Amino acid sequence: MRMYAYLNEPLKRDDKLIYKIMLFEAEEGVYLFGYGSPDAVISSSDILYENAEELHEEWDSLIDGNGWITMEDPLPGCQHDAFITLRVKGRNTGKPEWGKYETYVNGEWIDYNTVI
């Protein structure tokens, strides 16, 4: 499950500003992804929490009045922290090109060239 929320005010954490956050429940715990602009597509930071209660205790008071917004999980092999369908280029063939991405548009995978 994934949910995202916008912060009431940008928060400085580890020398980075965070404008919005996303949580993702995984087997190893609950990830909180931070985004460096309100329209960022992929995260610039992450924190792993043991459980959702711990995450909510720390962050719920910082989010705006819209609260947490539920969103669909990504397609298999895609980035859990991305707001669009995005995967590391070559990951599907076992030869990932870290830092290069592809997005799924009109039924095909194409290079994602926007600076993240």
Protein backbone atom coordinates (compact mmCIF):
# COMPACT_ATOMS: atom_id res chain seq x y z
CA MET A 1 0.00 0.00 0.00
CA ARG A 2 1.13 3.54 -0.76
CA MET A 3 -0.14 6.87 0.51
CA TYR A 4 1.18 10.40 0.08
CA ALA A 5 0.64 13.78 1.73
CA TYR A 6 1.83 17.36 1.44
CA LEU A 7 3.45 19.02 4.42
CA ASN A 8 2.01 22.18 5.98
CA GLU A 9 5.43 23.79 5.54
CA PRO A 10 8.63 22.56 3.92
CA LEU A 11 10.73 20.67 6.46
CA LYS A 12 14.53 20.73 6.47
CA ARG A 13 15.95 17.28 7.11
CA ASP A 14 19.54 16.20 6.44
CA ASP A 15 20.22 19.48 4.59
CA LYS A 16 17.29 18.86 2.22
CA LEU A 17 13.87 20.47 2.10
CA ILE A 18 10.90 18.09 2.05
CA TYR A 19 7.59 19.32 0.60
CA LYS A 20 5.64 16.09 0.35
CA ILE A 21 5.99 12.55 1.63
CA MET A 22 4.92 9.05 0.63
CA LEU A 23 4.70 5.93 2.70
CA PHE A 24 5.11 2.44 1.33
CA GLU A 25 4.56 -0.73 3.33
CA ALA A 26 7.18 -3.39 2.57
CA GLU A 27 8.12 -6.71 4.18
CA GLU A 28 11.04 -5.12 6.03
CA GLY A 29 9.01 -2.21 7.42
CA VAL A 30 7.39 1.02 6.28
CA TYR A 31 9.32 3.43 4.07
CA LEU A 32 8.79 7.16 4.19
CA PHE A 33 9.97 8.87 1.01
CA GLY A 34 10.63 12.62 1.00
CA TYR A 35 10.31 14.87 -2.06
CA GLY A 36 12.34 18.03 -2.68
CA SER A 37 9.59 19.96 -4.45
CA PRO A 38 5.77 19.86 -4.53
CA ASP A 39 5.81 18.45 -8.07
CA ALA A 40 8.73 16.01 -7.70
CA VAL A 41 8.15 12.66 -9.39
CA ILE A 42 10.75 10.60 -7.50
CA SER A 43 12.01 10.94 -3.95
CA SER A 44 15.20 12.58 -2.79
CA SER A 45 15.32 10.82 0.60
CA ASP A 46 13.93 7.85 2.48
CA ILE A 47 13.60 6.58 6.03
CA LEU A 48 12.68 3.04 7.08
CA TYR A 49 10.36 2.65 10.07
CA GLU A 50 9.63 -0.61 11.87
CA ASN A 51 5.88 -0.04 11.63
CA ALA A 52 3.24 2.40 10.39
CA GLU A 53 2.33 3.58 13.90
CA GLU A 54 5.87 4.89 14.46
CA LEU A 55 5.80 6.74 11.13
CA HIS A 56 2.35 8.26 11.75
CA GLU A 57 3.36 9.39 15.24
CA GLU A 58 6.26 11.37 13.80
CA TRP A 59 4.64 12.78 10.63
CA ASP A 60 0.84 13.08 10.92
CA SER A 61 0.96 16.45 12.69
CA LEU A 62 3.12 17.88 9.88
CA ILE A 63 0.80 17.14 6.94
CA ASP A 64 -1.76 19.53 5.48
CA GLY A 65 -5.53 19.37 5.86
CA ASN A 66 -5.97 16.97 2.93
CA GLY A 67 -4.38 14.23 5.02
CA TRP A 68 -3.05 11.01 3.58
CA ILE A 69 -4.10 10.22 0.01
CA THR A 70 -4.16 6.56 -1.03
CA MET A 71 -2.62 5.59 -4.37
CA GLU A 72 -2.10 2.38 -6.29
CA ASP A 73 1.04 0.31 -5.88
CA PRO A 74 3.48 0.49 -8.79
CA LEU A 75 3.71 -2.10 -11.54
CA PRO A 76 6.09 -5.02 -10.80
CA GLY A 77 9.73 -3.93 -11.14
CA CYS A 78 8.90 -0.24 -10.96
CA GLN A 79 9.99 2.39 -8.46
CA HIS A 80 7.92 2.38 -5.28
CA ASP A 81 8.73 6.04 -4.65
CA ALA A 82 7.68 7.34 -8.09
CA PHE A 83 4.43 9.18 -8.75
CA ILE A 84 4.45 7.91 -12.36
CA THR A 85 5.17 4.46 -13.79
CA LEU A 86 8.97 4.49 -13.71
CA ARG A 87 11.65 1.82 -13.65
CA VAL A 88 15.44 1.72 -13.78
CA LYS A 89 16.47 1.22 -17.39
CA GLY A 90 17.67 -2.34 -18.01
CA ARG A 91 16.39 -3.66 -14.68
CA ASN A 92 13.95 -5.94 -16.51
CA THR A 93 16.85 -7.63 -18.36
CA GLY A 94 19.10 -7.98 -15.32
CA LYS A 95 21.42 -5.20 -16.51
CA PRO A 96 20.27 -2.11 -14.59
CA GLU A 97 21.66 1.26 -15.66
CA TRP A 98 21.45 3.03 -12.30
CA GLY A 99 20.42 6.66 -12.62
CA LYS A 100 18.68 6.09 -15.98
CA TYR A 101 14.94 5.57 -16.07
CA GLU A 102 12.15 4.46 -18.38
CA THR A 103 8.47 5.33 -18.18
CA TYR A 104 5.46 3.50 -19.58
CA VAL A 105 3.57 5.58 -22.15
CA ASN A 106 0.91 4.37 -24.58
CA GLY A 107 1.80 0.72 -24.04
CA GLU A 108 5.57 0.99 -24.43
CA TRP A 109 8.62 1.77 -22.31
CA ILE A 110 10.45 4.96 -23.34
CA ASP A 111 13.45 6.84 -21.93
CA TYR A 112 12.60 9.20 -19.10
CA ASN A 113 14.85 12.19 -19.68
CA THR A 114 13.62 14.67 -17.09
CA VAL A 115 16.21 15.55 -14.49
CA ILE A 116 15.11 13.99 -11.23
